[in-house]
Amino acid sequence: MATAPRRGAPEREGDTATKERPKVDPPRRYKVLFHNDDYTTMEFVILVLMRFFHKEETDAYHLMLTVHHKGMAVVGAYTRDIAETKAAAATDFARENGFPLLITSEPE
């Protein structure tokens, strides 16, 4: 005859109650892209990279040259909200200063 398990004790030795956690994927990253144009000055692009994307002057200079020579460059990768906010703020700053600098974001 089998004995009933004690109250609060596991049914069998070694059994533990575990709660499965739902698997959470890291947030999708978005690239911020600078596009070349014939009107925005190189100095202004460097300023935007330093001010809004916290690039050192040397890094900003190299990114600016990449944009100038290749037509565009990825200047950073962020979560969607941050990428869109940075792109919008930098674009607004460019428009306030009379430049047509095009900054976009897209999924990685």
N, C-alpha and C. Protein backbone atom coordinates (compact mmCIF):
# COMPACT_ATOMS: atom_id res chain seq x y z
N MET A 1 0.84 -1.16 0.00
CA MET A 1 0.00 0.00 0.00
C MET A 1 0.89 1.24 0.00
N ALA A 2 0.60 2.20 -0.89
CA ALA A 2 1.41 3.41 -1.03
C ALA A 2 0.95 4.45 -0.04
N THR A 3 1.91 5.17 0.45
CA THR A 3 1.55 6.23 1.39
C THR A 3 1.36 7.52 0.63
N ALA A 4 0.49 8.34 1.08
CA ALA A 4 0.24 9.65 0.46
C ALA A 4 1.40 10.57 0.77
N PRO A 5 1.80 11.43 -0.22
CA PRO A 5 2.89 12.37 0.05
C PRO A 5 2.50 13.36 1.13
N ARG A 6 3.51 13.81 1.83
CA ARG A 6 3.24 14.80 2.88
C ARG A 6 2.80 16.10 2.24
N ARG A 7 2.06 16.83 2.97
CA ARG A 7 1.57 18.11 2.48
C ARG A 7 2.74 19.06 2.27
N GLY A 8 2.83 19.66 1.03
CA GLY A 8 3.89 20.62 0.72
C GLY A 8 5.17 19.96 0.25
N ALA A 9 5.26 18.64 0.28
CA ALA A 9 6.48 17.95 -0.15
C ALA A 9 6.36 17.61 -1.63
N PRO A 10 7.51 17.52 -2.34
CA PRO A 10 7.45 17.11 -3.73
C PRO A 10 6.86 15.70 -3.85
N GLU A 11 6.22 15.42 -4.98
CA GLU A 11 5.61 14.12 -5.16
C GLU A 11 6.66 13.03 -5.18
N ARG A 12 7.78 13.27 -5.84
CA ARG A 12 8.87 12.30 -5.87
C ARG A 12 10.14 13.05 -5.49
N GLU A 13 11.08 12.31 -5.02
CA GLU A 13 12.35 12.92 -4.64
C GLU A 13 13.03 13.49 -5.89
N GLY A 14 13.56 14.70 -5.83
CA GLY A 14 14.23 15.33 -6.96
C GLY A 14 13.33 16.21 -7.80
N ASP A 15 12.01 16.13 -7.64
CA ASP A 15 11.10 16.99 -8.38
C ASP A 15 11.13 18.40 -7.79
N THR A 16 11.22 19.35 -8.65
CA THR A 16 11.13 20.74 -8.21
C THR A 16 10.16 21.47 -9.12
N ALA A 17 9.49 22.38 -8.55
CA ALA A 17 8.56 23.18 -9.34
C ALA A 17 9.36 24.31 -9.99
N THR A 18 9.35 24.37 -11.31
CA THR A 18 10.04 25.45 -12.01
C THR A 18 9.04 26.21 -12.87
N LYS A 19 9.27 27.46 -12.95
CA LYS A 19 8.40 28.30 -13.75
C LYS A 19 9.21 28.70 -15.00
N GLU A 20 8.68 28.38 -16.17
CA GLU A 20 9.38 28.73 -17.40
C GLU A 20 9.20 30.21 -17.68
N ARG A 21 10.32 30.84 -18.02
CA ARG A 21 10.28 32.25 -18.39
C ARG A 21 10.10 32.34 -19.90
N PRO A 22 9.29 33.29 -20.35
CA PRO A 22 9.18 33.46 -21.80
C PRO A 22 10.50 33.99 -22.36
N LYS A 23 10.88 33.49 -23.52
CA LYS A 23 12.12 33.93 -24.14
C LYS A 23 11.92 35.32 -24.73
N VAL A 24 12.80 36.23 -24.38
CA VAL A 24 12.71 37.60 -24.84
C VAL A 24 13.89 37.87 -25.76
N ASP A 25 13.59 38.25 -26.99
CA ASP A 25 14.64 38.58 -27.94
C ASP A 25 15.10 40.01 -27.71
N PRO A 26 16.38 40.29 -27.96
CA PRO A 26 16.84 41.68 -27.83
C PRO A 26 16.13 42.54 -28.88
N PRO A 27 15.97 43.83 -28.60
CA PRO A 27 15.28 44.70 -29.56
C PRO A 27 16.04 44.78 -30.88
N ARG A 28 15.30 44.93 -31.96
CA ARG A 28 15.89 45.03 -33.29
C ARG A 28 16.66 46.35 -33.39
N ARG A 29 17.79 46.31 -34.05
CA ARG A 29 18.62 47.50 -34.20
C ARG A 29 18.32 48.17 -35.55
N TYR A 30 18.47 49.48 -35.56
CA TYR A 30 18.25 50.28 -36.77
C TYR A 30 19.51 51.08 -37.07
N LYS A 31 19.90 51.08 -38.34
CA LYS A 31 21.06 51.85 -38.78
C LYS A 31 20.63 53.27 -39.09
N VAL A 32 21.46 54.23 -38.74
CA VAL A 32 21.24 55.62 -39.12
C VAL A 32 22.21 55.91 -40.27
N LEU A 33 21.66 56.39 -41.38
CA LEU A 33 22.44 56.63 -42.59
C LEU A 33 22.47 58.12 -42.94
N PHE A 34 23.64 58.60 -43.29
CA PHE A 34 23.80 59.95 -43.84
C PHE A 34 23.94 59.78 -45.35
N HIS A 35 23.24 60.65 -46.09
CA HIS A 35 23.29 60.61 -47.55
C HIS A 35 23.97 61.87 -48.07
N ASN A 36 24.74 61.70 -49.12
CA ASN A 36 25.48 62.82 -49.71
C ASN A 36 24.56 63.74 -50.50
N ASP A 37 24.87 65.01 -50.49
CA ASP A 37 24.20 65.98 -51.36
C ASP A 37 25.24 67.02 -51.78
N ASP A 38 24.87 67.88 -52.71
CA ASP A 38 25.81 68.86 -53.25
C ASP A 38 25.81 70.19 -52.49
N TYR A 39 25.03 70.31 -51.44
CA TYR A 39 24.86 71.60 -50.78
C TYR A 39 25.34 71.65 -49.34
N THR A 40 25.19 70.56 -48.61
CA THR A 40 25.61 70.55 -47.20
C THR A 40 27.13 70.54 -47.13
N THR A 41 27.67 71.45 -46.33
CA THR A 41 29.13 71.55 -46.24
C THR A 41 29.70 70.40 -45.41
N MET A 42 30.94 70.09 -45.71
CA MET A 42 31.63 69.03 -44.98
C MET A 42 31.75 69.38 -43.50
N GLU A 43 32.00 70.63 -43.21
CA GLU A 43 32.14 71.09 -41.83
C GLU A 43 30.83 70.89 -41.06
N PHE A 44 29.71 71.16 -41.74
CA PHE A 44 28.43 71.00 -41.08
C PHE A 44 28.14 69.53 -40.78
N VAL A 45 28.48 68.64 -41.71
CA VAL A 45 28.28 67.21 -41.49
C VAL A 45 29.10 66.75 -40.27
N ILE A 46 30.33 67.22 -40.18
CA ILE A 46 31.18 66.88 -39.03
C ILE A 46 30.54 67.39 -37.74
N LEU A 47 30.04 68.62 -37.75
CA LEU A 47 29.37 69.19 -36.59
C LEU A 47 28.18 68.33 -36.15
N VAL A 48 27.35 67.92 -37.09
CA VAL A 48 26.18 67.09 -36.78
C VAL A 48 26.61 65.75 -36.19
N LEU A 49 27.62 65.15 -36.78
CA LEU A 49 28.10 63.85 -36.27
C LEU A 49 28.62 63.97 -34.84
N MET A 50 29.30 65.06 -34.55
CA MET A 50 29.83 65.25 -33.20
C MET A 50 28.72 65.60 -32.21
N ARG A 51 27.80 66.46 -32.62
CA ARG A 51 26.77 66.96 -31.72
C ARG A 51 25.68 65.93 -31.43
N PHE A 52 25.18 65.24 -32.45
CA PHE A 52 24.04 64.36 -32.27
C PHE A 52 24.41 62.87 -32.15
N PHE A 53 25.60 62.51 -32.65
CA PHE A 53 25.99 61.11 -32.62
C PHE A 53 27.24 60.87 -31.79
N HIS A 54 27.69 61.91 -31.10
CA HIS A 54 28.78 61.85 -30.13
C HIS A 54 30.04 61.20 -30.70
N LYS A 55 30.38 61.58 -31.92
CA LYS A 55 31.60 61.09 -32.56
C LYS A 55 32.75 62.02 -32.23
N GLU A 56 33.93 61.45 -32.08
CA GLU A 56 35.14 62.25 -31.93
C GLU A 56 35.40 62.95 -33.27
N GLU A 57 36.14 64.02 -33.25
CA GLU A 57 36.36 64.80 -34.47
C GLU A 57 36.99 63.96 -35.58
N THR A 58 37.96 63.12 -35.24
CA THR A 58 38.62 62.29 -36.25
C THR A 58 37.64 61.29 -36.86
N ASP A 59 36.83 60.64 -36.01
CA ASP A 59 35.83 59.68 -36.51
C ASP A 59 34.80 60.39 -37.38
N ALA A 60 34.37 61.56 -36.94
CA ALA A 60 33.39 62.33 -37.71
C ALA A 60 33.96 62.72 -39.08
N TYR A 61 35.22 63.09 -39.10
CA TYR A 61 35.88 63.46 -40.36
C TYR A 61 35.90 62.26 -41.33
N HIS A 62 36.26 61.09 -40.82
CA HIS A 62 36.31 59.89 -41.67
C HIS A 62 34.93 59.48 -42.15
N LEU A 63 33.93 59.59 -41.30
CA LEU A 63 32.55 59.29 -41.72
C LEU A 63 32.09 60.28 -42.79
N MET A 64 32.42 61.55 -42.60
CA MET A 64 32.05 62.56 -43.59
C MET A 64 32.67 62.25 -44.94
N LEU A 65 33.94 61.84 -44.95
CA LEU A 65 34.60 61.48 -46.21
C LEU A 65 33.95 60.25 -46.85
N THR A 66 33.54 59.30 -46.04
CA THR A 66 32.84 58.13 -46.58
C THR A 66 31.54 58.53 -47.24
N VAL A 67 30.78 59.41 -46.58
CA VAL A 67 29.53 59.91 -47.16
C VAL A 67 29.84 60.62 -48.48
N HIS A 68 30.86 61.45 -48.48
CA HIS A 68 31.22 62.25 -49.66
C HIS A 68 31.65 61.36 -50.83
N HIS A 69 32.45 60.35 -50.57
CA HIS A 69 32.99 59.51 -51.64
C HIS A 69 32.08 58.36 -52.06
N LYS A 70 31.35 57.79 -51.12
CA LYS A 70 30.52 56.61 -51.44
C LYS A 70 29.04 56.93 -51.59
N GLY A 71 28.65 58.15 -51.24
CA GLY A 71 27.25 58.54 -51.38
C GLY A 71 26.42 58.38 -50.12
N MET A 72 26.87 57.54 -49.21
CA MET A 72 26.19 57.39 -47.92
C MET A 72 27.09 56.60 -46.98
N ALA A 73 26.76 56.69 -45.68
CA ALA A 73 27.50 55.93 -44.67
C ALA A 73 26.61 55.67 -43.48
N VAL A 74 26.83 54.53 -42.84
CA VAL A 74 26.15 54.21 -41.59
C VAL A 74 26.93 54.90 -40.48
N VAL A 75 26.23 55.72 -39.70
CA VAL A 75 26.91 56.47 -38.64
C VAL A 75 26.64 55.90 -37.25
N GLY A 76 25.72 54.94 -37.17
CA GLY A 76 25.43 54.31 -35.89
C GLY A 76 24.30 53.32 -36.01
N ALA A 77 24.16 52.48 -34.99
CA ALA A 77 23.06 51.52 -34.92
C ALA A 77 22.47 51.59 -33.52
N TYR A 78 21.16 51.75 -33.46
CA TYR A 78 20.47 51.97 -32.20
C TYR A 78 19.13 51.22 -32.21
N THR A 79 18.44 51.22 -31.08
CA THR A 79 17.08 50.73 -31.09
C THR A 79 16.25 51.68 -31.95
N ARG A 80 15.08 51.23 -32.36
CA ARG A 80 14.28 52.00 -33.31
C ARG A 80 13.98 53.42 -32.83
N ASP A 81 13.50 53.55 -31.61
CA ASP A 81 13.13 54.88 -31.10
C ASP A 81 14.32 55.83 -31.06
N ILE A 82 15.45 55.33 -30.62
CA ILE A 82 16.63 56.19 -30.53
C ILE A 82 17.11 56.57 -31.92
N ALA A 83 17.15 55.61 -32.84
CA ALA A 83 17.60 55.90 -34.22
C ALA A 83 16.70 56.95 -34.86
N GLU A 84 15.39 56.79 -34.72
CA GLU A 84 14.47 57.75 -35.34
C GLU A 84 14.56 59.12 -34.69
N THR A 85 14.74 59.14 -33.37
CA THR A 85 14.84 60.42 -32.66
C THR A 85 16.11 61.16 -33.06
N LYS A 86 17.24 60.45 -33.11
CA LYS A 86 18.50 61.08 -33.51
C LYS A 86 18.43 61.59 -34.95
N ALA A 87 17.88 60.77 -35.85
CA ALA A 87 17.76 61.18 -37.25
C ALA A 87 16.87 62.41 -37.39
N ALA A 88 15.76 62.43 -36.68
CA ALA A 88 14.84 63.57 -36.76
C ALA A 88 15.47 64.84 -36.18
N ALA A 89 16.14 64.71 -35.03
CA ALA A 89 16.75 65.88 -34.40
C ALA A 89 17.86 66.46 -35.28
N ALA A 90 18.67 65.59 -35.87
CA ALA A 90 19.75 66.06 -36.73
C ALA A 90 19.21 66.68 -38.01
N THR A 91 18.14 66.09 -38.56
CA THR A 91 17.52 66.65 -39.77
C THR A 91 16.92 68.02 -39.47
N ASP A 92 16.23 68.15 -38.35
CA ASP A 92 15.66 69.45 -37.96
C ASP A 92 16.76 70.50 -37.81
N PHE A 93 17.86 70.11 -37.19
CA PHE A 93 19.00 71.03 -37.02
C PHE A 93 19.54 71.47 -38.38
N ALA A 94 19.65 70.53 -39.31
CA ALA A 94 20.14 70.86 -40.66
C ALA A 94 19.20 71.85 -41.35
N ARG A 95 17.89 71.61 -41.24
CA ARG A 95 16.91 72.50 -41.88
C ARG A 95 16.96 73.90 -41.26
N GLU A 96 17.12 73.97 -39.94
CA GLU A 96 17.21 75.27 -39.26
C GLU A 96 18.43 76.06 -39.75
N ASN A 97 19.45 75.34 -40.20
CA ASN A 97 20.67 75.98 -40.68
C ASN A 97 20.74 76.06 -42.20
N GLY A 98 19.62 75.74 -42.87
CA GLY A 98 19.53 75.91 -44.31
C GLY A 98 20.18 74.83 -45.15
N PHE A 99 20.38 73.63 -44.59
CA PHE A 99 21.00 72.54 -45.33
C PHE A 99 20.00 71.42 -45.60
N PRO A 100 20.07 70.79 -46.78
CA PRO A 100 19.14 69.71 -47.12
C PRO A 100 19.66 68.32 -46.73
N LEU A 101 20.52 68.23 -45.73
CA LEU A 101 21.12 66.95 -45.32
C LEU A 101 20.04 65.91 -45.12
N LEU A 102 20.20 64.76 -45.79
CA LEU A 102 19.25 63.67 -45.66
C LEU A 102 19.80 62.62 -44.74
N ILE A 103 19.05 62.34 -43.67
CA ILE A 103 19.42 61.33 -42.68
C ILE A 103 18.26 60.37 -42.55
N THR A 104 18.51 59.09 -42.74
CA THR A 104 17.45 58.09 -42.66
C THR A 104 17.84 57.00 -41.67
N SER A 105 16.84 56.19 -41.30
CA SER A 105 17.11 55.01 -40.48
C SER A 105 16.40 53.83 -41.11
N GLU A 106 17.02 52.65 -40.98
CA GLU A 106 16.45 51.43 -41.53
C GLU A 106 16.91 50.24 -40.68
N PRO A 107 16.14 49.16 -40.70
CA PRO A 107 16.53 47.99 -39.90
C PRO A 107 17.87 47.40 -40.37
N GLU A 108 18.61 46.86 -39.42
CA GLU A 108 19.87 46.19 -39.77
C GLU A 108 19.59 44.89 -40.48
